[in-house]
Amino acid sequence: MISEDLENFERPTGVLLKRRHKFRALLTVMALFTASIVSIPNANADIRVTVQAGDSLSLIALKYGVTTQSIMNANGISNPDLLFMGQELIIPGVT
């Protein structure tokens, strides 16, 4: 590790000691900055499902924990009873 390498250097004057503290401070700032820009994936991402035989909008909504209306809105569906086998649906905000 870098901090261990720094410990092994001789310190003929106080200059190296000051540099080591500055270097550690720089590493700390870099670590904090990096941690602050790490992206966290959206916990409520949309997913796609394919309608299977026997599926209904209400069963799909129940399975994924969303409302029938939210699936209808996400897919531009006006009649919840009109689904087709093989139809792809967007399921919004699945956790």
PDB file of N, CA and C in Angstrom:
ATOM      1  N   MET A   1       0.841  -1.178   0.000  1.00  0.00           N
ATOM      2  CA  MET A   1       0.000   0.000   0.000  1.00  0.00           C
ATOM      3  C   MET A   1       0.890   1.247   0.000  1.00  0.00           C
ATOM      4  N   ILE A   2       0.400   2.290  -0.545  1.00  0.00           N
ATOM      5  CA  ILE A   2       1.186   3.513  -0.697  1.00  0.00           C
ATOM      6  C   ILE A   2       1.610   4.081   0.656  1.00  0.00           C
ATOM      7  N   SER A   3       0.701   4.079   1.627  1.00  0.00           N
ATOM      8  CA  SER A   3       1.058   4.657   2.931  1.00  0.00           C
ATOM      9  C   SER A   3       2.160   3.845   3.613  1.00  0.00           C
ATOM     10  N   GLU A   4       2.181   2.522   3.403  1.00  0.00           N
ATOM     11  CA  GLU A   4       3.254   1.700   3.965  1.00  0.00           C
ATOM     12  C   GLU A   4       4.585   2.028   3.300  1.00  0.00           C
ATOM     13  N   ASP A   5       4.570   2.252   1.981  1.00  0.00           N
ATOM     14  CA  ASP A   5       5.790   2.632   1.272  1.00  0.00           C
ATOM     15  C   ASP A   5       6.330   3.949   1.803  1.00  0.00           C
ATOM     16  N   LEU A   6       5.437   4.857   2.105  1.00  0.00           N
ATOM     17  CA  LEU A   6       5.870   6.154   2.620  1.00  0.00           C
ATOM     18  C   LEU A   6       6.534   6.017   3.986  1.00  0.00           C
ATOM     19  N   GLU A   7       6.079   5.066   4.778  1.00  0.00           N
ATOM     20  CA  GLU A   7       6.662   4.858   6.105  1.00  0.00           C
ATOM     21  C   GLU A   7       8.124   4.413   6.011  1.00  0.00           C
ATOM     22  N   ASN A   8       8.478   3.720   4.925  1.00  0.00           N
ATOM     23  CA  ASN A   8       9.825   3.159   4.781  1.00  0.00           C
ATOM     24  C   ASN A   8      10.864   4.181   4.325  1.00  0.00           C
ATOM     25  N   PHE A   9      10.425   5.334   3.857  1.00  0.00           N
ATOM     26  CA  PHE A   9      11.378   6.360   3.429  1.00  0.00           C
ATOM     27  C   PHE A   9      12.097   6.959   4.638  1.00  0.00           C
ATOM     28  N   GLU A  10      13.350   7.273   4.438  1.00  0.00           N
ATOM     29  CA  GLU A  10      14.091   7.962   5.496  1.00  0.00           C
ATOM     30  C   GLU A  10      13.634   9.411   5.540  1.00  0.00           C
ATOM     31  N   ARG A  11      13.737  10.009   6.711  1.00  0.00           N
ATOM     32  CA  ARG A  11      13.325  11.390   6.865  1.00  0.00           C
ATOM     33  C   ARG A  11      14.516  12.226   7.331  1.00  0.00           C
ATOM     34  N   PRO A  12      15.402  12.604   6.396  1.00  0.00           N
ATOM     35  CA  PRO A  12      16.553  13.397   6.809  1.00  0.00           C
ATOM     36  C   PRO A  12      16.154  14.780   7.291  1.00  0.00           C
ATOM     37  N   THR A  13      15.076  15.299   6.758  1.00  0.00           N
ATOM     38  CA  THR A  13      14.587  16.612   7.201  1.00  0.00           C
ATOM     39  C   THR A  13      13.085  16.508   7.380  1.00  0.00           C
ATOM     40  N   GLY A  14      12.477  17.589   7.780  1.00  0.00           N
ATOM     41  CA  GLY A  14      11.024  17.599   7.931  1.00  0.00           C
ATOM     42  C   GLY A  14      10.294  17.709   6.610  1.00  0.00           C
ATOM     43  N   VAL A  15      11.027  17.871   5.506  1.00  0.00           N
ATOM     44  CA  VAL A  15      10.393  18.069   4.197  1.00  0.00           C
ATOM     45  C   VAL A  15       9.587  16.849   3.789  1.00  0.00           C
ATOM     46  N   LEU A  16      10.200  15.668   3.912  1.00  0.00           N
ATOM     47  CA  LEU A  16       9.509  14.453   3.506  1.00  0.00           C
ATOM     48  C   LEU A  16       8.271  14.219   4.359  1.00  0.00           C
ATOM     49  N   LEU A  17       8.368  14.515   5.635  1.00  0.00           N
ATOM     50  CA  LEU A  17       7.233  14.353   6.532  1.00  0.00           C
ATOM     51  C   LEU A  17       6.074  15.247   6.094  1.00  0.00           C
ATOM     52  N   LYS A  18       6.376  16.489   5.733  1.00  0.00           N
ATOM     53  CA  LYS A  18       5.334  17.404   5.269  1.00  0.00           C
ATOM     54  C   LYS A  18       4.721  16.894   3.971  1.00  0.00           C
ATOM     55  N   ARG A  19       5.559  16.395   3.069  1.00  0.00           N
ATOM     56  CA  ARG A  19       5.054  15.867   1.799  1.00  0.00           C
ATOM     57  C   ARG A  19       4.143  14.663   2.032  1.00  0.00           C
ATOM     58  N   ARG A  20       4.539  13.820   2.984  1.00  0.00           N
ATOM     59  CA  ARG A  20       3.734  12.641   3.268  1.00  0.00           C
ATOM     60  C   ARG A  20       2.346  13.047   3.754  1.00  0.00           C
ATOM     61  N   HIS A  21       2.259  14.037   4.613  1.00  0.00           N
ATOM     62  CA  HIS A  21       0.957  14.492   5.103  1.00  0.00           C
ATOM     63  C   HIS A  21       0.136  15.096   3.964  1.00  0.00           C
ATOM     64  N   LYS A  22       0.791  15.842   3.090  1.00  0.00           N
ATOM     65  CA  LYS A  22       0.084  16.408   1.939  1.00  0.00           C
ATOM     66  C   LYS A  22      -0.397  15.297   1.015  1.00  0.00           C
ATOM     67  N   PHE A  23       0.453  14.289   0.824  1.00  0.00           N
ATOM     68  CA  PHE A  23       0.099  13.176  -0.046  1.00  0.00           C
ATOM     69  C   PHE A  23      -1.090  12.403   0.531  1.00  0.00           C
ATOM     70  N   ARG A  24      -1.066  12.149   1.823  1.00  0.00           N
ATOM     71  CA  ARG A  24      -2.191  11.457   2.461  1.00  0.00           C
ATOM     72  C   ARG A  24      -3.470  12.280   2.355  1.00  0.00           C
ATOM     73  N   ALA A  25      -3.339  13.582   2.521  1.00  0.00           N
ATOM     74  CA  ALA A  25      -4.507  14.456   2.391  1.00  0.00           C
ATOM     75  C   ALA A  25      -5.059  14.387   0.974  1.00  0.00           C
ATOM     76  N   LEU A  26      -4.155  14.370  -0.002  1.00  0.00           N
ATOM     77  CA  LEU A  26      -4.578  14.271  -1.398  1.00  0.00           C
ATOM     78  C   LEU A  26      -5.284  12.944  -1.647  1.00  0.00           C
ATOM     79  N   LEU A  27      -4.738  11.853  -1.126  1.00  0.00           N
ATOM     80  CA  LEU A  27      -5.381  10.545  -1.286  1.00  0.00           C
ATOM     81  C   LEU A  27      -6.767  10.527  -0.653  1.00  0.00           C
ATOM     82  N   THR A  28      -6.898  11.157   0.497  1.00  0.00           N
ATOM     83  CA  THR A  28      -8.190  11.217   1.172  1.00  0.00           C
ATOM     84  C   THR A  28      -9.202  11.988   0.343  1.00  0.00           C
ATOM     85  N   VAL A  29      -8.787  13.129  -0.172  1.00  0.00           N
ATOM     86  CA  VAL A  29      -9.678  13.939  -1.011  1.00  0.00           C
ATOM     87  C   VAL A  29     -10.077  13.160  -2.255  1.00  0.00           C
ATOM     88  N   MET A  30      -9.113  12.491  -2.875  1.00  0.00           N
ATOM     89  CA  MET A  30      -9.415  11.709  -4.079  1.00  0.00           C
ATOM     90  C   MET A  30     -10.393  10.579  -3.763  1.00  0.00           C
ATOM     91  N   ALA A  31     -10.212   9.920  -2.635  1.00  0.00           N
ATOM     92  CA  ALA A  31     -11.112   8.832  -2.248  1.00  0.00           C
ATOM     93  C   ALA A  31     -12.521   9.352  -2.005  1.00  0.00           C
ATOM     94  N   LEU A  32     -12.632  10.480  -1.325  1.00  0.00           N
ATOM     95  CA  LEU A  32     -13.948  11.062  -1.064  1.00  0.00           C
ATOM     96  C   LEU A  32     -14.614  11.509  -2.355  1.00  0.00           C
ATOM     97  N   PHE A  33     -13.845  12.116  -3.248  1.00  0.00           N
ATOM     98  CA  PHE A  33     -14.393  12.568  -4.522  1.00  0.00           C
ATOM     99  C   PHE A  33     -14.868  11.381  -5.339  1.00  0.00           C
ATOM    100  N   THR A  34     -14.061  10.335  -5.405  1.00  0.00           N
ATOM    101  CA  THR A  34     -14.431   9.145  -6.171  1.00  0.00           C
ATOM    102  C   THR A  34     -15.690   8.519  -5.600  1.00  0.00           C
ATOM    103  N   ALA A  35     -15.783   8.437  -4.294  1.00  0.00           N
ATOM    104  CA  ALA A  35     -16.964   7.850  -3.663  1.00  0.00           C
ATOM    105  C   ALA A  35     -18.212   8.670  -3.959  1.00  0.00           C
ATOM    106  N   SER A  36     -18.060   9.968  -4.113  1.00  0.00           N
ATOM    107  CA  SER A  36     -19.230  10.810  -4.347  1.00  0.00           C
ATOM    108  C   SER A  36     -19.729  10.742  -5.782  1.00  0.00           C
ATOM    109  N   ILE A  37     -18.907  10.271  -6.724  1.00  0.00           N
ATOM    110  CA  ILE A  37     -19.359  10.220  -8.112  1.00  0.00           C
ATOM    111  C   ILE A  37     -19.726   8.819  -8.568  1.00  0.00           C
ATOM    112  N   VAL A  38     -19.612   7.839  -7.682  1.00  0.00           N
ATOM    113  CA  VAL A  38     -20.014   6.484  -8.040  1.00  0.00           C
ATOM    114  C   VAL A  38     -21.517   6.487  -8.229  1.00  0.00           C
ATOM    115  N   SER A  39     -21.970   5.977  -9.356  1.00  0.00           N
ATOM    116  CA  SER A  39     -23.402   5.994  -9.618  1.00  0.00           C
ATOM    117  C   SER A  39     -24.061   4.778  -8.989  1.00  0.00           C
ATOM    118  N   ILE A  40     -25.233   4.996  -8.476  1.00  0.00           N
ATOM    119  CA  ILE A  40     -26.018   3.937  -7.875  1.00  0.00           C
ATOM    120  C   ILE A  40     -27.161   3.636  -8.835  1.00  0.00           C
ATOM    121  N   PRO A  41     -27.312   2.377  -9.230  1.00  0.00           N
ATOM    122  CA  PRO A  41     -28.370   2.044 -10.177  1.00  0.00           C
ATOM    123  C   PRO A  41     -29.745   2.383  -9.625  1.00  0.00           C
ATOM    124  N   ASN A  42     -30.623   2.737 -10.510  1.00  0.00           N
ATOM    125  CA  ASN A  42     -31.986   3.057 -10.131  1.00  0.00           C
ATOM    126  C   ASN A  42     -32.654   1.812  -9.554  1.00  0.00           C
ATOM    127  N   ALA A  43     -33.110   1.905  -8.330  1.00  0.00           N
ATOM    128  CA  ALA A  43     -33.743   0.762  -7.681  1.00  0.00           C
ATOM    129  C   ALA A  43     -35.102   0.456  -8.290  1.00  0.00           C
ATOM    130  N   ASN A  44     -35.711   1.415  -8.945  1.00  0.00           N
ATOM    131  CA  ASN A  44     -37.020   1.237  -9.554  1.00  0.00           C
ATOM    132  C   ASN A  44     -36.912   1.293 -11.070  1.00  0.00           C
ATOM    133  N   ALA A  45     -36.298   0.288 -11.657  1.00  0.00           N
ATOM    134  CA  ALA A  45     -36.079   0.273 -13.097  1.00  0.00           C
ATOM    135  C   ALA A  45     -37.271  -0.364 -13.815  1.00  0.00           C
ATOM    136  N   ASP A  46     -37.501   0.086 -15.041  1.00  0.00           N
ATOM    137  CA  ASP A  46     -38.516  -0.533 -15.886  1.00  0.00           C
ATOM    138  C   ASP A  46     -37.967  -1.856 -16.408  1.00  0.00           C
ATOM    139  N   ILE A  47     -38.847  -2.834 -16.561  1.00  0.00           N
ATOM    140  CA  ILE A  47     -38.447  -4.094 -17.182  1.00  0.00           C
ATOM    141  C   ILE A  47     -39.419  -4.412 -18.306  1.00  0.00           C
ATOM    142  N   ARG A  48     -39.041  -5.346 -19.148  1.00  0.00           N
ATOM    143  CA  ARG A  48     -39.910  -5.791 -20.244  1.00  0.00           C
ATOM    144  C   ARG A  48     -40.296  -7.242 -20.006  1.00  0.00           C
ATOM    145  N   VAL A  49     -41.562  -7.538 -20.252  1.00  0.00           N
ATOM    146  CA  VAL A  49     -42.044  -8.916 -20.168  1.00  0.00           C
ATOM    147  C   VAL A  49     -42.807  -9.244 -21.441  1.00  0.00           C
ATOM    148  N   THR A  50     -42.855 -10.519 -21.763  1.00  0.00           N
ATOM    149  CA  THR A  50     -43.601 -10.983 -22.930  1.00  0.00           C
ATOM    150  C   THR A  50     -44.855 -11.685 -22.438  1.00  0.00           C
ATOM    151  N   VAL A  51     -45.989 -11.307 -22.989  1.00  0.00           N
ATOM    152  CA  VAL A  51     -47.269 -11.885 -22.594  1.00  0.00           C
ATOM    153  C   VAL A  51     -47.293 -13.357 -23.005  1.00  0.00           C
ATOM    154  N   GLN A  52     -47.652 -14.217 -22.041  1.00  0.00           N
ATOM    155  CA  GLN A  52     -47.759 -15.664 -22.264  1.00  0.00           C
ATOM    156  C   GLN A  52     -49.231 -16.070 -22.258  1.00  0.00           C
ATOM    157  N   ALA A  53     -49.510 -17.278 -22.732  1.00  0.00           N
ATOM    158  CA  ALA A  53     -50.877 -17.800 -22.706  1.00  0.00           C
ATOM    159  C   ALA A  53     -51.383 -17.790 -21.265  1.00  0.00           C
ATOM    160  N   GLY A  54     -52.592 -17.312 -21.067  1.00  0.00           N
ATOM    161  CA  GLY A  54     -53.194 -17.269 -19.739  1.00  0.00           C
ATOM    162  C   GLY A  54     -52.893 -16.002 -18.953  1.00  0.00           C
ATOM    163  N   ASP A  55     -52.009 -15.157 -19.467  1.00  0.00           N
ATOM    164  CA  ASP A  55     -51.690 -13.907 -18.772  1.00  0.00           C
ATOM    165  C   ASP A  55     -52.830 -12.907 -18.890  1.00  0.00           C
ATOM    166  N   SER A  56     -52.988 -12.113 -17.871  1.00  0.00           N
ATOM    167  CA  SER A  56     -53.892 -10.962 -17.916  1.00  0.00           C
ATOM    168  C   SER A  56     -53.117  -9.784 -17.348  1.00  0.00           C
ATOM    169  N   LEU A  57     -53.581  -8.603 -17.660  1.00  0.00           N
ATOM    170  CA  LEU A  57     -52.897  -7.414 -17.168  1.00  0.00           C
ATOM    171  C   LEU A  57     -52.903  -7.375 -15.638  1.00  0.00           C
ATOM    172  N   SER A  58     -54.003  -7.789 -15.045  1.00  0.00           N
ATOM    173  CA  SER A  58     -54.078  -7.758 -13.579  1.00  0.00           C
ATOM    174  C   SER A  58     -53.137  -8.788 -12.947  1.00  0.00           C
ATOM    175  N   LEU A  59     -52.990  -9.970 -13.551  1.00  0.00           N
ATOM    176  CA  LEU A  59     -52.053 -10.969 -13.024  1.00  0.00           C
ATOM    177  C   LEU A  59     -50.606 -10.503 -13.163  1.00  0.00           C
ATOM    178  N   ILE A  60     -50.295  -9.893 -14.292  1.00  0.00           N
ATOM    179  CA  ILE A  60     -48.938  -9.373 -14.509  1.00  0.00           C
ATOM    180  C   ILE A  60     -48.646  -8.263 -13.504  1.00  0.00           C
ATOM    181  N   ALA A  61     -49.614  -7.375 -13.300  1.00  0.00           N
ATOM    182  CA  ALA A  61     -49.442  -6.282 -12.336  1.00  0.00           C
ATOM    183  C   ALA A  61     -49.227  -6.838 -10.928  1.00  0.00           C
ATOM    184  N   LEU A  62     -49.996  -7.839 -10.558  1.00  0.00           N
ATOM    185  CA  LEU A  62     -49.865  -8.462  -9.241  1.00  0.00           C
ATOM    186  C   LEU A  62     -48.496  -9.124  -9.089  1.00  0.00           C
ATOM    187  N   LYS A  63     -48.063  -9.820 -10.134  1.00  0.00           N
ATOM    188  CA  LYS A  63     -46.770 -10.514 -10.100  1.00  0.00           C
ATOM    189  C   LYS A  63     -45.612  -9.547  -9.871  1.00  0.00           C
ATOM    190  N   TYR A  64     -45.668  -8.369 -10.484  1.00  0.00           N
ATOM    191  CA  TYR A  64     -44.561  -7.414 -10.400  1.00  0.00           C
ATOM    192  C   TYR A  64     -44.789  -6.306  -9.373  1.00  0.00           C
ATOM    193  N   GLY A  65     -45.915  -6.344  -8.678  1.00  0.00           N
ATOM    194  CA  GLY A  65     -46.153  -5.381  -7.605  1.00  0.00           C
ATOM    195  C   GLY A  65     -46.412  -3.963  -8.082  1.00  0.00           C
ATOM    196  N   VAL A  66     -47.050  -3.845  -9.240  1.00  0.00           N
ATOM    197  CA  VAL A  66     -47.402  -2.530  -9.774  1.00  0.00           C
ATOM    198  C   VAL A  66     -48.897  -2.520 -10.057  1.00  0.00           C
ATOM    199  N   THR A  67     -49.426  -1.378 -10.418  1.00  0.00           N
ATOM    200  CA  THR A  67     -50.854  -1.298 -10.721  1.00  0.00           C
ATOM    201  C   THR A  67     -51.105  -1.607 -12.190  1.00  0.00           C
ATOM    202  N   THR A  68     -52.310  -2.088 -12.439  1.00  0.00           N
ATOM    203  CA  THR A  68     -52.732  -2.331 -13.820  1.00  0.00           C
ATOM    204  C   THR A  68     -52.672  -1.029 -14.610  1.00  0.00           C
ATOM    205  N   GLN A  69     -53.107   0.050 -13.978  1.00  0.00           N
ATOM    206  CA  GLN A  69     -53.120   1.351 -14.651  1.00  0.00           C
ATOM    207  C   GLN A  69     -51.713   1.802 -15.032  1.00  0.00           C
ATOM    208  N   SER A  70     -50.721   1.539 -14.181  1.00  0.00           N
ATOM    209  CA  SER A  70     -49.354   1.964 -14.514  1.00  0.00           C
ATOM    210  C   SER A  70     -48.822   1.206 -15.730  1.00  0.00           C
ATOM    211  N   ILE A  71     -49.177  -0.075 -15.848  1.00  0.00           N
ATOM    212  CA  ILE A  71     -48.771  -0.844 -17.038  1.00  0.00           C
ATOM    213  C   ILE A  71     -49.491  -0.306 -18.265  1.00  0.00           C
ATOM    214  N   MET A  72     -50.765  -0.007 -18.112  1.00  0.00           N
ATOM    215  CA  MET A  72     -51.530   0.550 -19.236  1.00  0.00           C
ATOM    216  C   MET A  72     -50.930   1.874 -19.700  1.00  0.00           C
ATOM    217  N   ASN A  73     -50.593   2.741 -18.755  1.00  0.00           N
ATOM    218  CA  ASN A  73     -50.005   4.040 -19.103  1.00  0.00           C
ATOM    219  C   ASN A  73     -48.655   3.881 -19.792  1.00  0.00           C
ATOM    220  N   ALA A  74     -47.833   2.972 -19.298  1.00  0.00           N
ATOM    221  CA  ALA A  74     -46.490   2.787 -19.853  1.00  0.00           C
ATOM    222  C   ALA A  74     -46.515   2.198 -21.256  1.00  0.00           C
ATOM    223  N   ASN A  75     -47.614   1.513 -21.592  1.00  0.00           N
ATOM    224  CA  ASN A  75     -47.681   0.823 -22.881  1.00  0.00           C
ATOM    225  C   ASN A  75     -48.751   1.372 -23.817  1.00  0.00           C
ATOM    226  N   GLY A  76     -49.428   2.445 -23.418  1.00  0.00           N
ATOM    227  CA  GLY A  76     -50.460   3.036 -24.267  1.00  0.00           C
ATOM    228  C   GLY A  76     -51.646   2.107 -24.486  1.00  0.00           C
ATOM    229  N   ILE A  77     -51.991   1.341 -23.468  1.00  0.00           N
ATOM    230  CA  ILE A  77     -53.100   0.382 -23.571  1.00  0.00           C
ATOM    231  C   ILE A  77     -54.371   1.053 -23.064  1.00  0.00           C
ATOM    232  N   SER A  78     -55.431   0.984 -23.877  1.00  0.00           N
ATOM    233  CA  SER A  78     -56.704   1.569 -23.452  1.00  0.00           C
ATOM    234  C   SER A  78     -57.686   0.498 -22.984  1.00  0.00           C
ATOM    235  N   ASN A  79     -57.541  -0.727 -23.468  1.00  0.00           N
ATOM    236  CA  ASN A  79     -58.418  -1.821 -23.068  1.00  0.00           C
ATOM    237  C   ASN A  79     -57.584  -2.889 -22.353  1.00  0.00           C
ATOM    238  N   PRO A  80     -57.727  -3.014 -21.034  1.00  0.00           N
ATOM    239  CA  PRO A  80     -56.903  -3.969 -20.290  1.00  0.00           C
ATOM    240  C   PRO A  80     -57.199  -5.430 -20.623  1.00  0.00           C
ATOM    241  N   ASP A  81     -58.325  -5.692 -21.277  1.00  0.00           N
ATOM    242  CA  ASP A  81     -58.687  -7.066 -21.633  1.00  0.00           C
ATOM    243  C   ASP A  81     -58.147  -7.478 -22.996  1.00  0.00           C
ATOM    244  N   LEU A  82     -57.466  -6.573 -23.684  1.00  0.00           N
ATOM    245  CA  LEU A  82     -56.982  -6.860 -25.029  1.00  0.00           C
ATOM    246  C   LEU A  82     -55.458  -7.004 -25.028  1.00  0.00           C
ATOM    247  N   LEU A  83     -55.009  -8.227 -24.726  1.00  0.00           N
ATOM    248  CA  LEU A  83     -53.584  -8.561 -24.762  1.00  0.00           C
ATOM    249  C   LEU A  83     -53.381  -9.676 -25.772  1.00  0.00           C
ATOM    250  N   PHE A  84     -52.189  -9.756 -26.315  1.00  0.00           N
ATOM    251  CA  PHE A  84     -51.870 -10.781 -27.302  1.00  0.00           C
ATOM    252  C   PHE A  84     -50.654 -11.579 -26.846  1.00  0.00           C
ATOM    253  N   MET A  85     -50.700 -12.897 -27.062  1.00  0.00           N
ATOM    254  CA  MET A  85     -49.531 -13.718 -26.767  1.00  0.00           C
ATOM    255  C   MET A  85     -48.348 -13.195 -27.562  1.00  0.00           C
ATOM    256  N   GLY A  86     -47.198 -13.081 -26.915  1.00  0.00           N
ATOM    257  CA  GLY A  86     -45.999 -12.578 -27.577  1.00  0.00           C
ATOM    258  C   GLY A  86     -45.847 -11.066 -27.502  1.00  0.00           C
ATOM    259  N   GLN A  87     -46.885 -10.384 -27.056  1.00  0.00           N
ATOM    260  CA  GLN A  87     -46.825  -8.925 -26.919  1.00  0.00           C
ATOM    261  C   GLN A  87     -45.828  -8.569 -25.821  1.00  0.00           C
ATOM    262  N   GLU A  88     -44.967  -7.599 -26.102  1.00  0.00           N
ATOM    263  CA  GLU A  88     -44.015  -7.137 -25.087  1.00  0.00           C
ATOM    264  C   GLU A  88     -44.620  -5.972 -24.323  1.00  0.00           C
ATOM    265  N   LEU A  89     -44.505  -6.041 -23.010  1.00  0.00           N
ATOM    266  CA  LEU A  89     -45.011  -4.977 -22.151  1.00  0.00           C
ATOM    267  C   LEU A  89     -43.875  -4.394 -21.321  1.00  0.00           C
ATOM    268  N   ILE A  90     -43.937  -3.093 -21.128  1.00  0.00           N
ATOM    269  CA  ILE A  90     -43.023  -2.425 -20.202  1.00  0.00           C
ATOM    270  C   ILE A  90     -43.705  -2.418 -18.842  1.00  0.00           C
ATOM    271  N   ILE A  91     -42.981  -2.916 -17.846  1.00  0.00           N
ATOM    272  CA  ILE A  91     -43.483  -2.878 -16.472  1.00  0.00           C
ATOM    273  C   ILE A  91     -42.700  -1.771 -15.764  1.00  0.00           C
ATOM    274  N   PRO A  92     -43.356  -0.638 -15.478  1.00  0.00           N
ATOM    275  CA  PRO A  92     -42.625   0.515 -14.933  1.00  0.00           C
ATOM    276  C   PRO A  92     -42.324   0.399 -13.442  1.00  0.00           C
ATOM    277  N   GLY A  93     -41.157   0.880 -13.067  1.00  0.00           N
ATOM    278  CA  GLY A  93     -40.792   1.043 -11.667  1.00  0.00           C
ATOM    279  C   GLY A  93     -40.786  -0.208 -10.826  1.00  0.00           C
ATOM    280  N   VAL A  94     -40.253  -1.308 -11.369  1.00  0.00           N
ATOM    281  CA  VAL A  94     -40.190  -2.550 -10.600  1.00  0.00           C
ATOM    282  C   VAL A  94     -39.040  -2.464  -9.619  1.00  0.00           C
ATOM    283  N   THR A  95     -39.290  -2.824  -8.353  1.00  0.00           N
ATOM    284  CA  THR A  95     -38.235  -2.788  -7.334  1.00  0.00           C
ATOM    285  C   THR A  95     -37.558  -4.128  -7.197  1.00  0.00           C
TER     286      THR A  95
END
